[in-house]
N, C-alpha and C. Protein backbone atom coordinates (compact mmCIF):
# COMPACT_ATOMS: atom_id res chain seq x y z
N MET A 1 0.89 -1.17 -0.04
CA MET A 1 0.04 -0.04 0.00
C MET A 1 0.83 1.24 -0.05
N LYS A 2 1.96 1.25 0.75
CA LYS A 2 2.82 2.36 0.81
C LYS A 2 3.42 2.73 -0.51
N LYS A 3 3.91 1.61 -1.19
CA LYS A 3 4.40 1.79 -2.50
C LYS A 3 3.48 2.36 -3.54
N GLN A 4 2.19 1.87 -3.39
CA GLN A 4 1.16 2.40 -4.39
C GLN A 4 0.94 3.84 -4.08
N ALA A 5 0.86 4.24 -2.75
CA ALA A 5 0.59 5.55 -2.36
C ALA A 5 1.71 6.49 -2.94
N LYS A 6 3.00 6.06 -2.78
CA LYS A 6 4.06 6.86 -3.32
C LYS A 6 3.95 7.05 -4.82
N ARG A 7 3.56 5.94 -5.47
CA ARG A 7 3.39 6.18 -6.99
C ARG A 7 2.29 7.09 -7.35
N ILE A 8 1.21 7.11 -6.56
CA ILE A 8 0.07 8.04 -6.77
C ILE A 8 0.52 9.48 -6.64
N VAL A 9 1.33 9.70 -5.51
CA VAL A 9 1.78 10.98 -5.12
C VAL A 9 2.71 11.55 -6.22
N SER A 10 3.65 10.62 -6.72
CA SER A 10 4.49 11.03 -7.75
C SER A 10 3.76 11.37 -8.99
N LEU A 11 2.74 10.56 -9.33
CA LEU A 11 1.98 10.82 -10.53
C LEU A 11 1.20 12.20 -10.45
N VAL A 12 0.73 12.55 -9.29
CA VAL A 12 0.02 13.74 -9.10
C VAL A 12 0.91 14.92 -9.20
N LEU A 13 2.09 14.79 -8.66
CA LEU A 13 3.16 15.92 -8.74
C LEU A 13 3.60 16.07 -10.18
N ALA A 14 3.75 14.98 -10.93
CA ALA A 14 4.17 15.16 -12.25
C ALA A 14 3.07 15.81 -13.23
N LEU A 15 1.86 15.42 -12.78
CA LEU A 15 0.76 15.98 -13.60
C LEU A 15 0.54 17.50 -13.24
N ALA A 16 0.79 17.83 -11.97
CA ALA A 16 0.69 19.20 -11.52
C ALA A 16 1.79 20.21 -12.24
N MET A 17 3.00 19.54 -12.42
CA MET A 17 4.07 20.30 -13.10
C MET A 17 3.71 20.49 -14.60
N LEU A 18 3.18 19.47 -15.12
CA LEU A 18 2.70 19.63 -16.58
C LEU A 18 1.73 20.67 -16.68
N ALA A 19 0.75 20.73 -15.76
CA ALA A 19 -0.26 21.78 -15.85
C ALA A 19 0.28 23.15 -15.67
N LEU A 20 1.30 23.26 -14.77
CA LEU A 20 2.00 24.51 -14.47
C LEU A 20 2.63 25.10 -15.75
N CYS A 21 3.29 24.20 -16.49
CA CYS A 21 3.93 24.52 -17.65
C CYS A 21 2.96 25.00 -18.74
N ALA A 22 1.90 24.25 -18.79
CA ALA A 22 0.83 24.59 -19.79
C ALA A 22 0.22 25.98 -19.47
N LEU A 23 0.15 26.38 -18.28
CA LEU A 23 -0.39 27.69 -17.98
C LEU A 23 0.65 28.73 -18.21
N THR A 24 1.90 28.51 -18.09
CA THR A 24 2.93 29.52 -18.28
C THR A 24 3.21 29.70 -19.76
N PHE A 25 2.95 28.83 -20.63
CA PHE A 25 3.26 28.94 -22.00
C PHE A 25 2.42 30.12 -22.59
N ALA A 26 3.13 30.80 -23.40
CA ALA A 26 2.49 31.97 -24.12
C ALA A 26 3.00 32.06 -25.48
N SER A 27 2.00 32.10 -26.50
CA SER A 27 2.44 32.14 -27.92
C SER A 27 3.16 33.48 -28.09
N CYS A 28 4.20 33.26 -29.06
CA CYS A 28 5.03 34.41 -29.33
C CYS A 28 4.64 35.03 -30.70
N GLY A 29 4.68 36.34 -30.75
CA GLY A 29 4.53 37.03 -32.02
C GLY A 29 5.90 37.01 -32.76
N GLU A 30 5.92 37.57 -33.99
CA GLU A 30 7.14 37.53 -34.73
C GLU A 30 8.23 38.43 -34.23
N LYS A 31 7.76 39.41 -33.36
CA LYS A 31 8.74 40.42 -32.78
C LYS A 31 9.16 40.01 -31.35
N ASP A 32 8.58 38.97 -30.74
CA ASP A 32 8.94 38.60 -29.37
C ASP A 32 10.22 37.90 -29.40
N TYR A 33 11.16 38.52 -28.57
CA TYR A 33 12.55 37.98 -28.57
C TYR A 33 13.06 37.95 -27.11
N VAL A 34 14.13 37.12 -26.95
CA VAL A 34 14.89 37.14 -25.73
C VAL A 34 16.38 37.02 -26.03
N TYR A 35 17.20 37.17 -25.08
CA TYR A 35 18.66 36.96 -25.38
C TYR A 35 19.09 35.71 -24.55
N VAL A 36 19.94 35.08 -25.22
CA VAL A 36 20.51 33.74 -24.61
C VAL A 36 22.04 33.71 -24.59
N THR A 37 22.55 33.24 -23.54
CA THR A 37 23.99 32.96 -23.48
C THR A 37 24.21 31.51 -22.99
N ILE A 38 25.07 30.77 -23.65
CA ILE A 38 25.30 29.32 -23.29
C ILE A 38 26.91 29.22 -22.95
N ALA A 39 27.17 28.41 -22.00
CA ALA A 39 28.63 28.02 -21.85
C ALA A 39 28.65 26.54 -21.84
N ASP A 40 29.77 26.00 -22.56
CA ASP A 40 29.77 24.52 -22.73
C ASP A 40 30.43 23.83 -21.61
N GLU A 41 30.73 22.54 -21.82
CA GLU A 41 31.35 21.70 -20.80
C GLU A 41 32.78 22.02 -20.43
N LYS A 42 33.38 22.92 -21.25
CA LYS A 42 34.75 23.32 -21.04
C LYS A 42 34.76 24.70 -20.43
N GLY A 43 33.58 25.23 -20.22
CA GLY A 43 33.52 26.64 -19.65
C GLY A 43 33.73 27.71 -20.73
N ASN A 44 33.54 27.43 -21.95
CA ASN A 44 33.66 28.32 -23.05
C ASN A 44 32.29 28.96 -23.40
N ILE A 45 32.23 30.17 -23.63
CA ILE A 45 31.04 30.85 -24.05
C ILE A 45 30.78 30.52 -25.51
N VAL A 46 29.73 29.77 -25.84
CA VAL A 46 29.58 29.35 -27.18
C VAL A 46 28.40 30.08 -27.78
N VAL A 47 27.57 30.73 -26.99
CA VAL A 47 26.47 31.60 -27.47
C VAL A 47 26.59 32.92 -26.58
N ALA A 48 26.84 33.99 -27.08
CA ALA A 48 27.14 35.15 -26.25
C ALA A 48 26.03 36.27 -26.53
N TYR A 49 25.06 36.26 -25.57
CA TYR A 49 24.04 37.26 -25.53
C TYR A 49 23.45 37.44 -26.92
N GLU A 50 22.94 36.41 -27.52
CA GLU A 50 22.46 36.46 -28.77
C GLU A 50 20.92 36.52 -28.72
N LYS A 51 20.34 37.25 -29.69
CA LYS A 51 18.89 37.43 -29.74
C LYS A 51 18.30 36.15 -30.50
N VAL A 52 17.16 35.64 -29.95
CA VAL A 52 16.45 34.66 -30.53
C VAL A 52 14.94 34.83 -30.43
N TYR A 53 14.22 34.12 -31.20
CA TYR A 53 12.77 34.25 -31.24
C TYR A 53 12.14 32.98 -30.99
N PRO A 54 11.88 32.65 -29.66
CA PRO A 54 11.28 31.44 -29.29
C PRO A 54 9.82 31.26 -29.62
N LYS A 55 9.34 29.90 -29.77
CA LYS A 55 7.99 29.70 -29.97
C LYS A 55 7.03 30.01 -28.96
N GLU A 56 7.57 29.86 -27.69
CA GLU A 56 6.87 30.43 -26.56
C GLU A 56 7.73 31.20 -25.61
N LEU A 57 7.23 32.02 -24.78
CA LEU A 57 8.03 32.75 -23.91
C LEU A 57 8.35 32.04 -22.62
N THR A 58 9.16 30.98 -22.74
CA THR A 58 9.69 30.22 -21.56
C THR A 58 11.20 30.09 -21.75
N ALA A 59 11.78 29.79 -20.67
CA ALA A 59 13.27 29.47 -20.76
C ALA A 59 13.53 28.28 -21.56
N ASP A 60 12.73 27.34 -21.48
CA ASP A 60 12.93 26.06 -22.30
C ASP A 60 12.87 26.30 -23.72
N ALA A 61 11.84 27.09 -24.10
CA ALA A 61 11.69 27.43 -25.59
C ALA A 61 12.79 28.33 -26.05
N ALA A 62 13.31 29.21 -25.19
CA ALA A 62 14.40 30.12 -25.54
C ALA A 62 15.73 29.36 -25.84
N LEU A 63 16.05 28.41 -24.88
CA LEU A 63 17.18 27.59 -25.09
C LEU A 63 17.11 26.60 -26.28
N SER A 64 15.94 26.12 -26.52
CA SER A 64 15.70 25.36 -27.73
C SER A 64 15.88 26.09 -29.04
N ALA A 65 15.45 27.23 -29.02
CA ALA A 65 15.61 28.24 -30.17
C ALA A 65 17.06 28.55 -30.51
N ALA A 66 17.77 28.78 -29.32
CA ALA A 66 19.19 29.09 -29.47
C ALA A 66 19.93 27.96 -30.06
N HIS A 67 19.61 26.71 -29.79
CA HIS A 67 20.30 25.48 -30.27
C HIS A 67 19.97 25.38 -31.72
N GLU A 68 18.69 25.62 -32.08
CA GLU A 68 18.30 25.49 -33.50
C GLU A 68 18.97 26.50 -34.38
N LYS A 69 19.40 27.58 -33.77
CA LYS A 69 19.99 28.79 -34.57
C LYS A 69 21.46 28.59 -34.63
N PHE A 70 22.13 28.15 -33.44
CA PHE A 70 23.62 28.30 -33.34
C PHE A 70 24.34 26.97 -33.20
N TYR A 71 23.61 25.92 -32.73
CA TYR A 71 24.40 24.63 -32.56
C TYR A 71 24.47 23.84 -33.91
N GLU A 72 25.57 23.28 -34.19
CA GLU A 72 25.87 22.64 -35.44
C GLU A 72 24.80 21.56 -35.69
N GLY A 73 24.46 20.91 -34.67
CA GLY A 73 23.47 19.79 -34.90
C GLY A 73 22.01 20.21 -34.62
N GLY A 74 21.72 21.57 -34.48
CA GLY A 74 20.47 22.09 -34.38
C GLY A 74 19.91 21.68 -33.08
N SER A 75 18.63 21.33 -33.12
CA SER A 75 17.74 20.92 -31.92
C SER A 75 18.35 19.65 -31.31
N ASP A 76 19.16 18.85 -31.97
CA ASP A 76 19.66 17.56 -31.41
C ASP A 76 20.59 17.88 -30.15
N GLY A 77 21.12 19.11 -30.13
CA GLY A 77 22.04 19.44 -29.11
C GLY A 77 21.35 19.84 -27.81
N TYR A 78 20.01 19.86 -27.76
CA TYR A 78 19.33 20.30 -26.61
C TYR A 78 18.19 19.32 -26.20
N ALA A 79 17.92 19.07 -24.85
CA ALA A 79 16.80 18.36 -24.42
C ALA A 79 16.45 18.70 -22.97
N SER A 80 15.15 18.44 -22.83
CA SER A 80 14.61 18.72 -21.39
C SER A 80 13.67 17.67 -21.01
N ALA A 81 13.41 17.49 -19.73
CA ALA A 81 12.45 16.47 -19.40
C ALA A 81 11.90 16.78 -17.95
N GLU A 82 10.66 16.22 -17.67
CA GLU A 82 10.18 16.37 -16.43
C GLU A 82 11.01 15.69 -15.26
N SER A 83 11.18 16.33 -14.17
CA SER A 83 11.82 15.63 -13.00
C SER A 83 11.17 16.13 -11.74
N SER A 84 11.71 15.58 -10.59
CA SER A 84 11.09 15.97 -9.29
C SER A 84 11.21 17.47 -9.05
N TYR A 85 12.11 18.13 -9.88
CA TYR A 85 12.19 19.61 -9.68
C TYR A 85 11.44 20.40 -10.73
N GLY A 86 10.63 19.69 -11.50
CA GLY A 86 10.00 20.33 -12.65
C GLY A 86 10.63 20.08 -13.87
N LEU A 87 10.29 20.89 -14.94
CA LEU A 87 10.97 20.79 -16.28
C LEU A 87 12.46 21.05 -16.18
N SER A 88 13.33 20.12 -16.49
CA SER A 88 14.81 20.30 -16.20
C SER A 88 15.62 19.98 -17.46
N LEU A 89 16.79 20.48 -17.52
CA LEU A 89 17.76 20.24 -18.52
C LEU A 89 18.27 18.82 -18.58
N THR A 90 18.24 18.12 -19.62
CA THR A 90 18.91 16.86 -19.76
C THR A 90 20.07 16.81 -20.81
N LYS A 91 20.09 17.82 -21.62
CA LYS A 91 21.26 17.85 -22.65
C LYS A 91 21.26 19.39 -22.97
N LEU A 92 22.60 19.86 -22.93
CA LEU A 92 22.82 21.24 -23.25
C LEU A 92 24.20 21.30 -24.15
N TRP A 93 23.98 21.95 -25.28
CA TRP A 93 25.18 22.04 -26.27
C TRP A 93 25.76 20.68 -26.52
N GLY A 94 24.86 19.68 -26.65
CA GLY A 94 25.37 18.35 -26.94
C GLY A 94 25.87 17.49 -25.84
N THR A 95 25.92 18.04 -24.58
CA THR A 95 26.46 17.42 -23.50
C THR A 95 25.28 16.83 -22.52
N GLU A 96 25.36 15.48 -22.39
CA GLU A 96 24.56 14.84 -21.44
C GLU A 96 25.31 14.33 -20.16
N ASN A 97 25.14 14.87 -19.02
CA ASN A 97 25.91 14.54 -17.85
C ASN A 97 25.20 14.14 -16.66
N GLY A 98 23.87 13.71 -16.75
CA GLY A 98 23.05 13.42 -15.71
C GLY A 98 22.39 14.57 -14.94
N GLY A 99 22.39 15.66 -15.60
CA GLY A 99 21.64 16.75 -15.03
C GLY A 99 22.40 17.88 -14.30
N SER A 100 23.76 17.82 -14.59
CA SER A 100 24.57 18.93 -13.90
C SER A 100 24.71 20.09 -14.86
N TYR A 101 23.67 20.96 -14.79
CA TYR A 101 23.58 22.19 -15.53
C TYR A 101 23.14 23.28 -14.59
N GLY A 102 23.29 24.56 -15.05
CA GLY A 102 22.76 25.63 -14.37
C GLY A 102 22.11 26.51 -15.23
N TYR A 103 21.07 27.21 -14.92
CA TYR A 103 20.41 28.23 -15.77
C TYR A 103 19.76 29.35 -14.98
N TYR A 104 19.83 30.56 -15.59
CA TYR A 104 19.35 31.72 -14.88
C TYR A 104 18.59 32.67 -15.85
N VAL A 105 17.65 33.37 -15.28
CA VAL A 105 16.96 34.39 -16.08
C VAL A 105 17.11 35.77 -15.41
N ASN A 106 17.85 36.60 -16.11
CA ASN A 106 18.15 37.91 -15.51
C ASN A 106 18.87 37.82 -14.21
N ASN A 107 19.79 36.86 -14.19
CA ASN A 107 20.68 36.63 -12.96
C ASN A 107 19.89 36.05 -11.80
N VAL A 108 18.76 35.52 -12.08
CA VAL A 108 18.01 34.94 -10.98
C VAL A 108 17.73 33.51 -11.35
N SER A 109 17.76 32.58 -10.42
CA SER A 109 17.52 31.06 -10.74
C SER A 109 15.98 30.97 -10.65
N PRO A 110 15.39 30.37 -11.81
CA PRO A 110 13.96 30.20 -11.90
C PRO A 110 13.53 28.93 -11.15
N ASN A 111 12.35 28.64 -11.05
CA ASN A 111 11.83 27.41 -10.50
C ASN A 111 12.05 26.18 -11.45
N SER A 112 11.81 26.43 -12.74
CA SER A 112 11.97 25.38 -13.72
C SER A 112 12.00 25.95 -15.06
N LEU A 113 12.33 25.14 -16.08
CA LEU A 113 12.47 25.56 -17.49
C LEU A 113 11.09 26.05 -18.01
N CYS A 114 10.05 25.71 -17.46
CA CYS A 114 8.79 26.11 -17.88
C CYS A 114 8.29 27.46 -17.36
N ASP A 115 9.15 28.12 -16.62
CA ASP A 115 8.83 29.52 -16.01
C ASP A 115 8.74 30.39 -17.23
N ALA A 116 7.75 31.33 -17.12
CA ALA A 116 7.55 32.27 -18.15
C ALA A 116 8.67 33.31 -18.20
N VAL A 117 9.10 33.76 -19.33
CA VAL A 117 10.05 34.92 -19.42
C VAL A 117 9.34 36.02 -20.18
N ALA A 118 9.95 37.21 -20.24
CA ALA A 118 9.38 38.29 -20.92
C ALA A 118 10.15 38.72 -22.05
N VAL A 119 9.71 39.47 -22.97
CA VAL A 119 10.45 40.02 -24.15
C VAL A 119 11.63 40.77 -23.63
N GLY A 120 12.84 40.48 -24.17
CA GLY A 120 14.03 41.19 -23.73
C GLY A 120 14.78 40.58 -22.64
N ASP A 121 14.24 39.57 -21.99
CA ASP A 121 14.94 38.81 -20.87
C ASP A 121 16.23 38.06 -21.37
N HIS A 122 17.13 37.97 -20.44
CA HIS A 122 18.33 37.30 -20.69
C HIS A 122 18.34 35.86 -19.95
N ILE A 123 18.51 34.76 -20.82
CA ILE A 123 18.47 33.38 -20.36
C ILE A 123 19.88 32.95 -20.52
N TYR A 124 20.50 32.56 -19.31
CA TYR A 124 21.87 31.97 -19.32
C TYR A 124 21.83 30.56 -18.89
N ALA A 125 22.43 29.68 -19.66
CA ALA A 125 22.59 28.25 -19.29
C ALA A 125 24.04 27.84 -19.45
N PHE A 126 24.54 26.86 -18.50
CA PHE A 126 25.79 26.45 -18.57
C PHE A 126 25.90 24.99 -18.20
N VAL A 127 26.87 24.30 -18.67
CA VAL A 127 27.20 22.90 -18.31
C VAL A 127 28.22 23.01 -17.18
N TYR A 128 27.96 22.24 -16.09
CA TYR A 128 28.98 22.20 -15.01
C TYR A 128 30.25 21.59 -15.55
N THR A 129 31.39 22.35 -15.13
CA THR A 129 32.68 21.80 -15.50
C THR A 129 33.29 20.90 -14.41
N ASP A 130 32.84 21.18 -13.18
CA ASP A 130 33.33 20.38 -12.07
C ASP A 130 32.27 19.38 -11.66
N LEU A 131 32.48 18.17 -12.12
CA LEU A 131 31.53 17.09 -11.88
C LEU A 131 31.87 16.28 -10.62
N GLU A 132 32.73 16.77 -9.95
CA GLU A 132 33.17 16.04 -8.63
C GLU A 132 32.60 16.82 -7.47
N SER A 133 33.01 18.03 -7.33
CA SER A 133 32.52 18.81 -6.07
C SER A 133 31.47 19.77 -6.49
N PHE A 134 31.19 19.95 -7.81
CA PHE A 134 30.16 20.83 -8.35
C PHE A 134 30.35 22.31 -7.74
N SER A 135 31.57 22.69 -7.98
CA SER A 135 31.89 24.04 -7.37
C SER A 135 31.68 25.14 -8.38
N ASP A 136 31.11 24.93 -9.53
CA ASP A 136 30.76 26.11 -10.48
C ASP A 136 29.85 27.15 -9.85
N LYS A 137 30.25 28.35 -10.05
CA LYS A 137 29.53 29.55 -9.67
C LYS A 137 29.03 30.40 -10.73
N TYR A 138 27.85 30.75 -10.79
CA TYR A 138 27.26 31.58 -11.83
C TYR A 138 27.88 32.99 -11.54
N SER A 139 28.32 33.64 -12.68
CA SER A 139 28.89 35.03 -12.45
C SER A 139 28.26 35.94 -13.53
N TYR A 140 28.33 37.22 -13.30
CA TYR A 140 27.73 38.19 -14.13
C TYR A 140 28.35 39.62 -13.98
N PHE A 141 28.36 40.39 -15.00
CA PHE A 141 28.79 41.72 -14.98
C PHE A 141 27.66 42.59 -14.70
N ASN A 142 27.98 43.87 -14.28
CA ASN A 142 26.96 44.90 -14.03
C ASN A 142 26.24 45.41 -15.32
N ILE A 143 26.88 45.12 -16.43
CA ILE A 143 26.32 45.45 -17.77
C ILE A 143 26.27 44.25 -18.71
N LYS A 144 25.40 44.16 -19.63
CA LYS A 144 25.31 43.15 -20.70
C LYS A 144 26.00 43.60 -21.98
N THR A 145 25.73 44.94 -22.25
CA THR A 145 26.25 45.58 -23.58
C THR A 145 26.72 46.97 -23.09
N GLY A 146 27.60 47.51 -23.99
CA GLY A 146 28.15 48.80 -23.74
C GLY A 146 28.94 49.31 -24.82
N GLU A 147 29.27 50.54 -24.86
CA GLU A 147 30.18 51.22 -25.87
C GLU A 147 31.36 51.85 -25.11
N ALA A 148 32.45 51.88 -25.80
CA ALA A 148 33.67 52.61 -25.28
C ALA A 148 34.41 53.16 -26.43
N SER A 149 35.16 54.24 -26.04
CA SER A 149 36.09 54.86 -27.05
C SER A 149 37.37 54.13 -27.10
N ARG A 150 37.89 54.02 -28.30
CA ARG A 150 39.23 53.40 -28.49
C ARG A 150 40.30 53.95 -27.52
N GLY A 151 40.94 53.07 -26.71
CA GLY A 151 41.98 53.57 -25.83
C GLY A 151 41.46 54.15 -24.51
N SER A 152 40.16 54.20 -24.39
CA SER A 152 39.65 54.86 -23.12
C SER A 152 39.36 53.65 -22.14
N THR A 153 39.30 54.06 -20.85
CA THR A 153 39.11 53.04 -19.81
C THR A 153 37.64 52.91 -19.45
N PHE A 154 37.07 51.81 -19.33
CA PHE A 154 35.73 51.63 -18.85
C PHE A 154 35.70 50.61 -17.68
N GLU A 155 34.69 50.77 -16.81
CA GLU A 155 34.69 49.87 -15.68
C GLU A 155 33.64 48.80 -15.67
N LEU A 156 34.12 47.64 -15.30
CA LEU A 156 33.17 46.48 -15.10
C LEU A 156 33.15 45.98 -13.67
N GLU A 157 32.02 45.54 -13.26
CA GLU A 157 31.96 44.96 -11.87
C GLU A 157 31.44 43.55 -12.09
N LEU A 158 32.20 42.56 -11.41
CA LEU A 158 31.96 41.14 -11.56
C LEU A 158 31.41 40.55 -10.23
N THR A 159 30.24 39.89 -10.26
CA THR A 159 29.61 39.31 -9.13
C THR A 159 29.42 37.86 -9.39
N TYR A 160 29.50 36.99 -8.29
CA TYR A 160 29.15 35.60 -8.55
C TYR A 160 28.12 35.28 -7.44
N LEU A 161 27.33 34.19 -7.65
CA LEU A 161 26.38 33.72 -6.65
C LEU A 161 26.88 32.51 -5.96
N ASP A 162 26.67 32.57 -4.55
CA ASP A 162 27.03 31.49 -3.72
C ASP A 162 26.05 31.17 -2.74
N TYR A 163 26.29 30.26 -1.79
CA TYR A 163 25.20 29.90 -0.85
C TYR A 163 25.79 30.23 0.58
N ASP A 164 24.85 30.60 1.51
CA ASP A 164 25.33 30.75 2.84
C ASP A 164 25.12 29.41 3.59
N GLU A 165 25.31 29.56 4.99
CA GLU A 165 25.18 28.42 5.81
C GLU A 165 23.76 27.71 5.78
N ASN A 166 22.80 28.52 5.52
CA ASN A 166 21.38 28.00 5.46
C ASN A 166 20.97 27.69 3.95
N TRP A 167 21.89 27.70 2.99
CA TRP A 167 21.70 27.48 1.58
C TRP A 167 20.79 28.50 0.91
N ASN A 168 20.92 29.67 1.47
CA ASN A 168 20.29 30.85 0.76
C ASN A 168 21.28 31.38 -0.26
N ILE A 169 20.82 31.81 -1.38
CA ILE A 169 21.72 32.43 -2.49
C ILE A 169 22.24 33.81 -2.02
N VAL A 170 23.46 34.07 -2.04
CA VAL A 170 24.04 35.34 -1.69
C VAL A 170 25.00 35.80 -2.83
N LYS A 171 25.01 37.10 -2.97
CA LYS A 171 25.84 37.65 -4.05
C LYS A 171 27.14 38.05 -3.41
N LYS A 172 28.29 37.83 -4.08
CA LYS A 172 29.65 38.08 -3.68
C LYS A 172 30.43 38.78 -4.78
N ALA A 173 31.29 39.64 -4.33
CA ALA A 173 32.22 40.28 -5.29
C ALA A 173 33.22 39.22 -5.78
N ALA A 174 33.51 39.13 -7.05
CA ALA A 174 34.48 38.22 -7.56
C ALA A 174 35.75 38.92 -7.56
N ALA A 175 36.53 38.86 -6.65
CA ALA A 175 37.93 39.47 -6.51
C ALA A 175 38.92 38.69 -7.03
N GLY A 176 39.91 39.25 -7.71
CA GLY A 176 41.08 38.59 -8.21
C GLY A 176 40.86 37.80 -9.53
N ALA A 177 39.82 38.08 -10.19
CA ALA A 177 39.49 37.42 -11.46
C ALA A 177 40.00 38.23 -12.70
N TYR A 178 40.54 37.45 -13.67
CA TYR A 178 41.12 38.04 -14.85
C TYR A 178 40.07 38.31 -15.84
N ILE A 179 40.08 39.57 -16.41
CA ILE A 179 39.18 39.84 -17.52
C ILE A 179 39.73 39.18 -18.82
N THR A 180 38.77 38.60 -19.57
CA THR A 180 39.18 37.95 -20.87
C THR A 180 38.50 38.86 -21.97
N ILE A 181 39.14 38.94 -23.06
CA ILE A 181 38.62 39.66 -24.27
C ILE A 181 38.61 38.63 -25.44
N ASP A 182 37.57 38.25 -25.96
CA ASP A 182 37.29 37.36 -27.03
C ASP A 182 38.06 36.03 -26.57
N GLY A 183 37.96 35.63 -25.34
CA GLY A 183 38.57 34.35 -24.89
C GLY A 183 40.08 34.43 -24.43
N ASP A 184 40.74 35.47 -24.62
CA ASP A 184 42.04 35.63 -24.18
C ASP A 184 42.18 36.41 -22.90
N ARG A 185 43.03 35.88 -22.03
CA ARG A 185 43.19 36.44 -20.69
C ARG A 185 44.02 37.75 -20.87
N THR A 186 43.64 38.79 -20.05
CA THR A 186 44.32 40.07 -20.16
C THR A 186 45.00 40.35 -18.88
N GLU A 187 45.59 41.45 -18.62
CA GLU A 187 46.32 41.88 -17.45
C GLU A 187 45.19 42.56 -16.47
N PHE A 188 44.06 42.92 -16.88
CA PHE A 188 42.99 43.50 -16.15
C PHE A 188 42.45 42.50 -15.12
N VAL A 189 42.54 42.98 -13.71
CA VAL A 189 42.14 42.04 -12.75
C VAL A 189 41.15 42.79 -11.82
N THR A 190 40.11 42.10 -11.37
CA THR A 190 39.15 42.66 -10.43
C THR A 190 39.71 42.85 -9.11
N ASP A 191 39.26 44.04 -8.49
CA ASP A 191 39.75 44.35 -7.16
C ASP A 191 38.84 43.68 -6.05
N GLU A 192 39.08 44.03 -4.83
CA GLU A 192 38.27 43.36 -3.75
C GLU A 192 36.77 43.56 -3.84
N ASN A 193 36.34 44.50 -4.64
CA ASN A 193 34.90 44.82 -4.84
C ASN A 193 34.50 44.26 -6.17
N GLY A 194 35.26 43.44 -6.84
CA GLY A 194 34.92 42.82 -8.08
C GLY A 194 35.07 43.85 -9.27
N LYS A 195 35.62 45.02 -9.05
CA LYS A 195 35.63 45.99 -10.18
C LYS A 195 36.97 45.89 -10.95
N ALA A 196 36.91 46.09 -12.20
CA ALA A 196 38.14 46.16 -13.05
C ALA A 196 38.00 47.29 -14.08
N HIS A 197 39.13 47.87 -14.30
CA HIS A 197 39.11 49.02 -15.27
C HIS A 197 39.84 48.48 -16.54
N VAL A 198 39.10 48.45 -17.70
CA VAL A 198 39.52 47.73 -18.91
C VAL A 198 39.67 48.83 -19.93
N LYS A 199 40.70 48.46 -20.80
CA LYS A 199 41.01 49.39 -21.96
C LYS A 199 41.14 48.56 -23.20
N ILE A 200 40.67 48.85 -24.27
CA ILE A 200 40.83 48.18 -25.56
C ILE A 200 41.24 49.27 -26.66
N ALA A 201 42.48 48.82 -27.23
CA ALA A 201 43.11 49.78 -28.18
C ALA A 201 42.41 49.94 -29.56
N GLU A 202 41.83 48.77 -30.04
CA GLU A 202 41.27 48.81 -31.43
C GLU A 202 39.79 48.85 -31.45
N LYS A 203 39.30 49.38 -32.52
CA LYS A 203 37.87 49.37 -32.78
C LYS A 203 37.31 48.05 -33.10
N GLY A 204 36.02 47.81 -32.69
CA GLY A 204 35.49 46.51 -32.99
C GLY A 204 34.47 46.08 -31.95
N GLU A 205 33.91 44.91 -32.18
CA GLU A 205 33.11 44.34 -31.17
C GLU A 205 33.60 43.20 -30.48
N TYR A 206 33.57 43.20 -29.11
CA TYR A 206 34.28 42.24 -28.32
C TYR A 206 33.38 41.51 -27.32
N VAL A 207 33.70 40.32 -27.06
CA VAL A 207 32.97 39.52 -26.01
C VAL A 207 33.91 39.53 -24.77
N ILE A 208 33.40 40.19 -23.81
CA ILE A 208 34.15 40.27 -22.55
C ILE A 208 33.64 39.28 -21.50
N SER A 209 34.60 38.62 -20.85
CA SER A 209 34.31 37.61 -19.86
C SER A 209 35.28 37.67 -18.71
N ALA A 210 35.43 36.68 -17.87
CA ALA A 210 36.30 36.64 -16.72
C ALA A 210 36.62 35.19 -16.39
N GLU A 211 37.79 35.00 -15.80
CA GLU A 211 38.14 33.75 -15.32
C GLU A 211 38.94 33.86 -14.02
N SER A 212 38.92 32.84 -13.23
CA SER A 212 39.55 33.00 -11.84
C SER A 212 40.50 31.68 -11.66
N ASP A 213 41.58 32.03 -10.89
CA ASP A 213 42.39 30.89 -10.46
C ASP A 213 41.91 30.24 -9.17
N THR A 214 40.96 30.91 -8.50
CA THR A 214 40.54 30.43 -7.29
C THR A 214 39.03 30.07 -7.19
N LEU A 215 38.38 30.39 -8.20
CA LEU A 215 36.88 30.11 -8.28
C LEU A 215 36.63 29.48 -9.65
N THR A 216 35.67 28.55 -9.58
CA THR A 216 35.23 28.03 -10.90
C THR A 216 34.01 28.73 -11.27
N LEU A 217 34.24 29.58 -12.24
CA LEU A 217 33.13 30.52 -12.63
C LEU A 217 32.50 30.19 -13.90
N ALA A 218 31.12 30.07 -13.86
CA ALA A 218 30.42 29.99 -15.13
C ALA A 218 30.58 31.43 -15.67
N PRO A 219 31.28 31.64 -16.88
CA PRO A 219 31.75 32.85 -17.31
C PRO A 219 30.65 33.90 -17.49
N ALA A 220 30.97 35.14 -16.98
CA ALA A 220 30.10 36.27 -17.24
C ALA A 220 30.24 36.74 -18.71
N VAL A 221 29.26 37.45 -19.12
CA VAL A 221 29.44 37.90 -20.54
C VAL A 221 28.93 39.37 -20.56
N ALA A 222 29.69 40.06 -21.41
CA ALA A 222 29.32 41.50 -21.78
C ALA A 222 29.81 41.78 -23.21
N LEU A 223 28.92 42.30 -23.97
CA LEU A 223 29.34 42.71 -25.27
C LEU A 223 29.71 44.17 -25.43
N ILE A 224 31.01 44.50 -25.79
CA ILE A 224 31.48 45.85 -25.73
C ILE A 224 31.80 46.35 -27.20
N THR A 225 31.26 47.37 -27.70
CA THR A 225 31.66 47.94 -28.84
C THR A 225 32.59 49.05 -28.71
N VAL A 226 33.66 48.96 -29.36
CA VAL A 226 34.70 50.01 -29.26
C VAL A 226 34.80 50.82 -30.43
N LYS A 227 34.58 52.14 -30.40
CA LYS A 227 34.50 53.08 -31.54
C LYS A 227 35.66 54.07 -31.58
């Protein structure tokens, strides 16, 4: 009887999550868009704040649309499925690792992939690179896009998310992290407040991120246009 009761409870929970997803789905118009960033199993940014037009305004649909547009194998690189936590990632950028992924909407962790998103939201998903202690920390800059003059200095502030002793999410300054430009480490380093002053000599469009020798960071992303 206990086993049967557990099965019934599990079925009810699964049906409830499906119903929740159905309620949050919203049909998209031709101009409804979101931005997506994806980091792969090596910690590389493979989709950097790109605009996509999902079929529904959900995190799941946005990530699926990003794979269809940017992944070499299209939609085959992405999958999701119902779990005890709701709709969850099962494959990201072609990697299946038993569910070790992270995803955020506007730097906030949603309840599940079926959570509704709004036009212009930023969905960030990453594959965990540390599959032993799962030490990967989501990080982000204070800006997503910006402009700078050639040879001038601009400021970035890097934050990462951690947990306190009660497993509440807390924001922390990412000190001692090296700024990267188009994947290359630079001499620009964040201070104790997570701030770095960056200078780029040549005109162009650049993907700015950061890496640390002491933290496993899911890489932050900012697109900077130098004029």
